[in-house]
């Protein structure tokens, strides 16, 4: 299971560029990139950092070693608060520039990426996604009926992440856990790991009962908050249960439904009256889960256009707008790979 966090690099001025390039190259090398493929990743990084320095007020880069099905590689997401672009498709073409340069930046990134996407709004900024696969032939659309995308970022300055997730897909059903260990750092991560272990041992019972078992099994840790969803496409329904401030929303036909959790802390102050809730699930719905590293109040109208993009862009846009900046952050986007 790919449960790795993104590594975050803040790029507030030019003095950080050399160090960031070196660190991301090191990550790519550790994944197994070498030779021409590593050189191509270096070009992508160089163009991304150059764009952030030229155009952005401030920016950051998120990097992750991803594994999804048979595909493995590096994911690079750049986020900035610059002026944005009014005509993205034009700016991605080679030879187009607003600063009298050769205008090969975005075009080069797109050519060298196995997956490329970009989302930009004037006066808001730009999010760019580049994925490079170790084996380009593995760059195929996932055959799994559930498409689950995550963005997991530790608190600034931390090497450990107290937020975590796990999901299991079985034909027409999926069960997923989002968990946030109290606080941050190594002890929070231990709580999250214990919760995930408990979750994996209770896949055959409903979400509420899973949390009851988890409450007993992680008492030796500092505890945390969590939510479990179980989605069944045969019955077009989902069951869920949560304790604490994990935010969960189902976006259905353009409308958001909040999925409310019980007050408490798993492993310590657990609610006695807890039970599993049920609600319909449409195959075109989105499930959006976030930890309290993100603000809970956001405008659903902002999702109208970004949902047309790669789910990693959607997750990054929520992180950009809502990150508190003082805690671990988790965003999970789930949708079905069903057209009709």
Protein backbone atom coordinates (compact mmCIF):
# COMPACT_ATOMS: atom_id res chain seq x y z
CA UNK A 1 0.00 0.00 0.00
CA UNK A 2 1.33 3.41 -1.00
CA UNK A 3 1.14 5.35 2.27
CA UNK A 4 4.13 7.61 1.72
CA UNK A 5 3.93 11.32 2.56
CA UNK A 6 4.89 14.08 0.17
CA UNK A 7 8.14 15.89 0.89
CA UNK A 8 7.52 19.64 0.93
CA UNK A 9 10.00 22.25 -0.29
CA UNK A 10 9.29 25.95 0.26
CA UNK A 11 10.68 28.22 -2.45
CA UNK A 12 10.45 31.75 -1.12
CA UNK A 13 13.55 33.10 -2.89
CA UNK A 14 16.27 32.14 -5.36
CA UNK A 15 18.77 31.10 -2.68
CA UNK A 16 16.86 27.84 -2.08
CA UNK A 17 16.82 26.70 -5.71
CA UNK A 18 20.14 24.83 -5.75
CA UNK A 19 19.39 22.93 -2.54
CA UNK A 20 15.88 21.97 -3.68
CA UNK A 21 17.16 20.68 -7.02
CA UNK A 22 19.76 18.58 -5.20
CA UNK A 23 17.25 17.10 -2.75
CA UNK A 24 14.66 16.22 -5.41
CA UNK A 25 17.37 14.67 -7.60
CA UNK A 26 18.37 12.57 -4.59
CA UNK A 27 14.77 11.38 -4.14
CA UNK A 28 14.56 10.45 -7.83
CA UNK A 29 17.88 8.60 -7.60
CA UNK A 30 16.69 6.64 -4.58
CA UNK A 31 13.58 5.59 -6.52
CA UNK A 32 15.86 4.15 -9.18
CA UNK A 33 15.99 6.82 -11.89
CA UNK A 34 19.32 7.18 -13.67
CA UNK A 35 20.83 8.26 -16.96
CA UNK A 36 18.56 10.10 -19.38
CA UNK A 37 15.44 9.68 -17.27
CA UNK A 38 17.14 11.31 -14.29
CA UNK A 39 18.40 14.11 -16.56
CA UNK A 40 14.85 14.69 -17.79
CA UNK A 41 13.59 14.95 -14.21
CA UNK A 42 16.33 17.52 -13.54
CA UNK A 43 15.03 19.59 -16.46
CA UNK A 44 11.47 19.39 -15.11
CA UNK A 45 12.66 20.55 -11.68
CA UNK A 46 14.73 23.35 -13.21
CA UNK A 47 11.78 24.65 -15.23
CA UNK A 48 9.37 24.44 -12.28
CA UNK A 49 11.71 26.30 -9.91
CA UNK A 50 12.43 28.89 -12.59
CA UNK A 51 8.71 29.56 -13.12
CA UNK A 52 8.07 29.93 -9.39
CA UNK A 53 10.94 32.39 -8.97
CA UNK A 54 9.96 34.43 -12.04
CA UNK A 55 6.22 34.65 -11.56
CA UNK A 56 5.21 33.70 -8.02
CA UNK A 57 4.91 35.72 -4.82
CA UNK A 58 5.89 32.52 -3.04
CA UNK A 59 5.66 28.88 -3.94
CA UNK A 60 6.26 25.34 -2.84
CA UNK A 61 6.98 21.95 -4.40
CA UNK A 62 5.58 18.64 -3.17
CA UNK A 63 7.45 15.48 -4.16
CA UNK A 64 6.46 11.87 -3.66
CA UNK A 65 7.65 8.39 -4.62
CA UNK A 66 4.39 6.84 -5.77
CA UNK A 67 3.34 3.26 -6.42
CA UNK A 68 -0.07 2.63 -7.98
CA UNK A 69 -0.80 -0.77 -9.43
CA UNK A 70 2.07 -1.63 -11.76
CA UNK A 71 3.11 2.01 -12.06
CA UNK A 72 5.95 3.46 -9.98
CA UNK A 73 7.75 6.75 -10.22
CA UNK A 74 8.04 10.29 -8.95
CA UNK A 75 5.20 12.78 -8.53
CA UNK A 76 6.04 16.50 -8.51
CA UNK A 77 3.41 19.12 -7.67
CA UNK A 78 4.20 22.83 -7.73
CA UNK A 79 1.91 25.30 -5.96
CA UNK A 80 2.20 29.07 -6.20
CA UNK A 81 0.30 32.22 -5.31
CA UNK A 82 1.33 34.12 -8.39
CA UNK A 83 -0.79 36.05 -10.89
CA UNK A 84 -2.08 32.90 -12.60
CA UNK A 85 -2.78 32.54 -16.32
CA UNK A 86 -5.79 33.53 -18.39
CA UNK A 87 -4.99 31.15 -21.26
CA UNK A 88 -3.29 28.02 -19.95
CA UNK A 89 -3.42 26.05 -23.22
CA UNK A 90 -1.60 28.87 -25.02
CA UNK A 91 1.12 29.18 -22.35
CA UNK A 92 1.88 25.45 -22.51
CA UNK A 93 2.84 25.79 -26.19
CA UNK A 94 6.54 26.09 -26.95
CA UNK A 95 7.73 29.56 -27.81
CA UNK A 96 5.14 31.41 -25.73
CA UNK A 97 6.47 33.62 -22.94
CA UNK A 98 5.49 36.75 -21.06
CA UNK A 99 9.04 37.60 -19.97
CA UNK A 100 10.98 37.65 -23.26
CA UNK A 101 12.51 34.21 -22.68
CA UNK A 102 12.45 31.28 -25.13
CA UNK A 103 9.10 30.18 -23.73
CA UNK A 104 10.03 26.49 -23.51
CA UNK A 105 9.34 25.95 -19.78
CA UNK A 106 5.81 24.54 -19.58
CA UNK A 107 6.12 22.88 -22.97
CA UNK A 108 9.29 21.10 -21.88
CA UNK A 109 7.70 19.92 -18.63
CA UNK A 110 4.70 18.55 -20.53
CA UNK A 111 6.88 16.71 -23.07
CA UNK A 112 9.10 15.11 -20.44
CA UNK A 113 6.24 14.08 -18.11
CA UNK A 114 4.32 10.82 -18.46
CA UNK A 115 1.38 12.52 -16.73
CA UNK A 116 0.99 16.29 -16.92
CA UNK A 117 -1.76 18.61 -15.77
CA UNK A 118 -2.00 22.28 -14.88
CA UNK A 119 -4.69 24.40 -13.23
CA UNK A 120 -4.43 28.17 -13.07
CA UNK A 121 -6.76 30.99 -12.07
CA UNK A 122 -5.93 34.70 -12.51
CA UNK A 123 -5.11 36.39 -9.17
CA UNK A 124 -5.16 32.98 -7.43
CA UNK A 125 -2.13 31.14 -8.71
CA UNK A 126 -1.13 27.95 -10.44
CA UNK A 127 -0.84 24.26 -9.60
CA UNK A 128 1.23 22.05 -11.88
CA UNK A 129 1.43 18.26 -11.79
CA UNK A 130 4.20 16.18 -13.33
CA UNK A 131 4.55 12.41 -12.96
CA UNK A 132 7.46 10.47 -14.39
CA UNK A 133 7.30 6.67 -14.43
CA UNK A 134 10.26 4.36 -13.97
CA UNK A 135 8.77 2.28 -16.75
CA UNK A 136 6.80 4.47 -19.19
CA UNK A 137 4.95 1.37 -20.46
CA UNK A 138 3.35 1.09 -17.01
CA UNK A 139 1.67 4.45 -17.60
CA UNK A 140 -1.79 3.02 -18.08
CA UNK A 141 -5.12 4.01 -16.60
CA UNK A 142 -5.82 2.06 -13.42
CA UNK A 143 -8.23 -0.83 -13.98
CA UNK A 144 -9.46 -0.57 -10.40
CA UNK A 145 -13.04 0.58 -10.16
CA UNK A 146 -12.13 3.04 -7.38
CA UNK A 147 -9.70 5.87 -8.06
CA UNK A 148 -8.18 7.01 -4.76
CA UNK A 149 -5.75 9.92 -4.65
CA UNK A 150 -4.01 11.21 -1.54
CA UNK A 151 -1.94 14.18 -0.48
CA UNK A 152 -0.10 13.67 2.82
CA UNK A 153 2.23 16.39 4.11
CA UNK A 154 3.99 16.43 7.51
CA UNK A 155 4.11 19.61 9.57
CA UNK A 156 6.91 21.90 8.45
CA UNK A 157 10.19 20.81 10.04
CA UNK A 158 8.94 17.31 10.93
CA UNK A 159 10.33 14.05 9.53
CA UNK A 160 7.38 12.08 10.89
CA UNK A 161 3.72 12.36 9.94
CA UNK A 162 0.91 11.70 12.41
CA UNK A 163 -1.77 11.65 9.71
CA UNK A 164 -2.29 8.39 7.86
CA UNK A 165 -4.69 6.39 5.76
CA UNK A 166 -5.31 2.92 4.43
CA UNK A 167 -7.81 1.50 1.97
CA UNK A 168 -8.76 -1.92 0.66
CA UNK A 169 -10.57 -2.46 -2.64
CA UNK A 170 -12.51 -5.67 -3.30
CA UNK A 171 -14.26 -5.84 -6.68
CA UNK A 172 -17.30 -3.57 -6.19
CA UNK A 173 -16.55 -2.38 -2.67
CA UNK A 174 -14.00 -0.24 -0.89
CA UNK A 175 -13.22 0.39 2.77
CA UNK A 176 -11.06 3.37 3.70
CA UNK A 177 -9.64 4.85 6.90
CA UNK A 178 -8.46 8.43 7.47
CA UNK A 179 -6.67 8.92 10.79
CA UNK A 180 -4.95 11.79 12.60
CA UNK A 181 -2.75 10.95 15.59
CA UNK A 182 -2.95 13.60 18.29
CA UNK A 183 -0.36 16.32 17.85
CA UNK A 184 2.48 15.63 15.45
CA UNK A 185 5.89 13.99 15.34
CA UNK A 186 6.94 10.38 16.11
CA UNK A 187 4.36 9.68 18.83
CA UNK A 188 1.53 10.85 16.60
CA UNK A 189 2.87 8.61 13.84
CA UNK A 190 2.95 5.62 16.21
CA UNK A 191 -0.73 6.21 17.04
CA UNK A 192 -1.57 6.40 13.34
CA UNK A 193 0.34 3.20 12.57
CA UNK A 194 -1.45 1.37 15.40
CA UNK A 195 -4.83 2.59 14.10
CA UNK A 196 -4.03 1.38 10.58
CA UNK A 197 -2.98 -2.03 11.92
CA UNK A 198 -6.27 -2.31 13.83
CA UNK A 199 -8.27 -1.21 10.77
CA UNK A 200 -6.69 -3.92 8.63
CA UNK A 201 -7.77 -6.56 11.16
CA UNK A 202 -11.43 -5.51 11.09
CA UNK A 203 -12.26 -5.31 7.39
CA UNK A 204 -15.26 -7.63 7.69
CA UNK A 205 -17.22 -5.60 10.25
CA UNK A 206 -19.03 -2.27 9.91
CA UNK A 207 -17.22 1.07 10.44
CA UNK A 208 -18.65 1.73 13.89
CA UNK A 209 -17.58 -1.67 15.21
CA UNK A 210 -14.15 -1.22 13.59
CA UNK A 211 -13.68 1.99 15.56
CA UNK A 212 -14.76 0.28 18.79
CA UNK A 213 -12.06 -2.35 18.29
CA UNK A 214 -9.55 0.34 17.38
CA UNK A 215 -10.35 2.28 20.54
CA UNK A 216 -9.28 -0.73 22.64
CA UNK A 217 -6.21 -1.58 20.59
CA UNK A 218 -4.55 1.85 20.53
CA UNK A 219 -5.02 2.79 24.21
CA UNK A 220 -1.27 2.51 24.78
CA UNK A 221 -0.68 5.32 22.25
CA UNK A 222 -1.61 9.00 22.52
CA UNK A 223 -4.73 8.24 20.46
CA UNK A 224 -6.25 10.25 17.69
CA UNK A 225 -9.29 10.96 15.55
CA UNK A 226 -10.46 8.96 12.59
CA UNK A 227 -13.21 8.10 10.15
CA UNK A 228 -14.00 4.92 8.23
CA UNK A 229 -16.07 4.69 5.05
CA UNK A 230 -17.32 1.51 3.42
CA UNK A 231 -18.67 1.95 -0.11
CA UNK A 232 -20.69 -0.77 -1.87
CA UNK A 233 -21.45 -0.29 -5.55
CA UNK A 234 -23.83 -3.26 -5.66
CA UNK A 235 -26.22 -1.56 -3.26
CA UNK A 236 -25.23 2.01 -4.27
CA UNK A 237 -24.70 2.89 -0.64
CA UNK A 238 -22.00 3.87 1.79
CA UNK A 239 -21.73 3.34 5.53
CA UNK A 240 -19.49 5.50 7.68
CA UNK A 241 -18.53 6.36 11.22
CA UNK A 242 -16.06 8.83 12.67
CA UNK A 243 -14.75 10.14 15.96
CA UNK A 244 -13.17 13.59 16.18
CA UNK A 245 -12.42 16.27 13.67
CA UNK A 246 -11.78 14.41 10.43
CA UNK A 247 -13.77 16.33 7.82
CA UNK A 248 -15.75 14.21 5.35
CA UNK A 249 -17.88 15.45 2.47
CA UNK A 250 -19.66 13.68 -0.36
CA UNK A 251 -19.99 15.79 -3.49
CA UNK A 252 -23.06 14.57 -5.36
CA UNK A 253 -24.58 16.32 -8.39
CA UNK A 254 -22.80 19.54 -7.48
CA UNK A 255 -24.01 19.55 -3.87
CA UNK A 256 -21.93 18.84 -0.78
CA UNK A 257 -23.14 16.59 2.01
CA UNK A 258 -21.27 16.79 5.32
CA UNK A 259 -20.71 13.48 7.10
CA UNK A 260 -20.71 14.23 10.81
CA UNK A 261 -18.41 12.55 13.35
CA UNK A 262 -18.90 11.95 17.06
CA UNK A 263 -16.99 14.02 19.59
CA UNK A 264 -14.13 12.21 21.29
CA UNK A 265 -10.65 10.74 20.96
CA UNK A 266 -10.10 7.17 19.78
CA UNK A 267 -8.06 5.37 22.43
CA UNK A 268 -9.10 7.68 25.26
CA UNK A 269 -12.49 9.45 25.41
CA UNK A 270 -14.63 7.24 23.21
CA UNK A 271 -18.38 7.92 22.79
CA UNK A 272 -20.68 5.22 24.19
CA UNK A 273 -23.56 5.90 21.81
CA UNK A 274 -21.57 5.53 18.60
CA UNK A 275 -23.21 3.80 15.65
CA UNK A 276 -22.70 3.45 11.90
CA UNK A 277 -24.51 5.82 9.52
CA UNK A 278 -25.73 4.94 6.04
CA UNK A 279 -26.32 7.12 3.00
CA UNK A 280 -26.85 6.58 -0.76
CA UNK A 281 -23.84 6.54 -3.06
CA UNK A 282 -24.04 7.61 -6.69
CA UNK A 283 -21.33 6.22 -8.98
CA UNK A 284 -20.52 9.78 -10.06
CA UNK A 285 -20.01 11.01 -6.47
CA UNK A 286 -16.75 12.22 -4.94
CA UNK A 287 -15.71 11.49 -1.36
CA UNK A 288 -13.39 14.15 0.08
CA UNK A 289 -11.67 13.52 3.43
CA UNK A 290 -9.35 15.99 5.18
CA UNK A 291 -7.59 16.08 8.51
CA UNK A 292 -7.64 19.14 10.78
CA UNK A 293 -4.41 20.32 9.22
CA UNK A 294 -6.86 21.96 6.81
CA UNK A 295 -9.57 24.47 7.64
CA UNK A 296 -13.06 23.04 7.67
CA UNK A 297 -14.94 25.90 6.01
CA UNK A 298 -14.53 26.15 2.27
CA UNK A 299 -16.52 27.25 -0.73
CA UNK A 300 -17.78 24.32 -2.81
CA UNK A 301 -18.17 26.61 -5.84
CA UNK A 302 -14.37 26.61 -6.13
CA UNK A 303 -14.55 22.91 -7.01
CA UNK A 304 -16.64 23.42 -10.14
CA UNK A 305 -13.72 23.81 -12.55
CA UNK A 306 -10.89 22.06 -10.69
CA UNK A 307 -12.80 18.74 -10.61
CA UNK A 308 -12.19 18.49 -14.35
CA UNK A 309 -8.50 18.03 -13.58
CA UNK A 310 -6.39 15.19 -12.18
CA UNK A 311 -7.46 14.36 -8.59
CA UNK A 312 -3.96 15.29 -7.39
CA UNK A 313 -4.62 18.81 -8.67
CA UNK A 314 -7.92 18.83 -6.74
CA UNK A 315 -6.16 17.71 -3.54
CA UNK A 316 -3.39 20.28 -4.02
CA UNK A 317 -5.91 23.09 -4.57
CA UNK A 318 -7.60 22.26 -1.26
CA UNK A 319 -4.21 22.15 0.44
CA UNK A 320 -3.27 25.49 -1.11
CA UNK A 321 -6.44 27.24 0.05
CA UNK A 322 -7.02 25.56 3.39
CA UNK A 323 -3.73 24.44 4.95
CA UNK A 324 -3.30 25.86 8.45
CA UNK A 325 0.48 25.51 8.15
CA UNK A 326 0.91 24.34 11.75
CA UNK A 327 0.04 20.63 11.61
CA UNK A 328 0.24 17.50 9.47
CA UNK A 329 -2.16 17.59 6.53
CA UNK A 330 -4.10 14.83 4.80
CA UNK A 331 -6.40 15.05 1.78
CA UNK A 332 -8.10 12.01 0.26
CA UNK A 333 -10.11 12.16 -2.97
CA UNK A 334 -12.15 9.07 -3.93
CA UNK A 335 -14.20 8.67 -7.07
CA UNK A 336 -15.30 5.75 -9.23
CA UNK A 337 -13.84 4.92 -12.63
CA UNK A 338 -17.33 4.57 -14.10
CA UNK A 339 -18.57 6.78 -16.93
CA UNK A 340 -22.24 5.86 -16.83
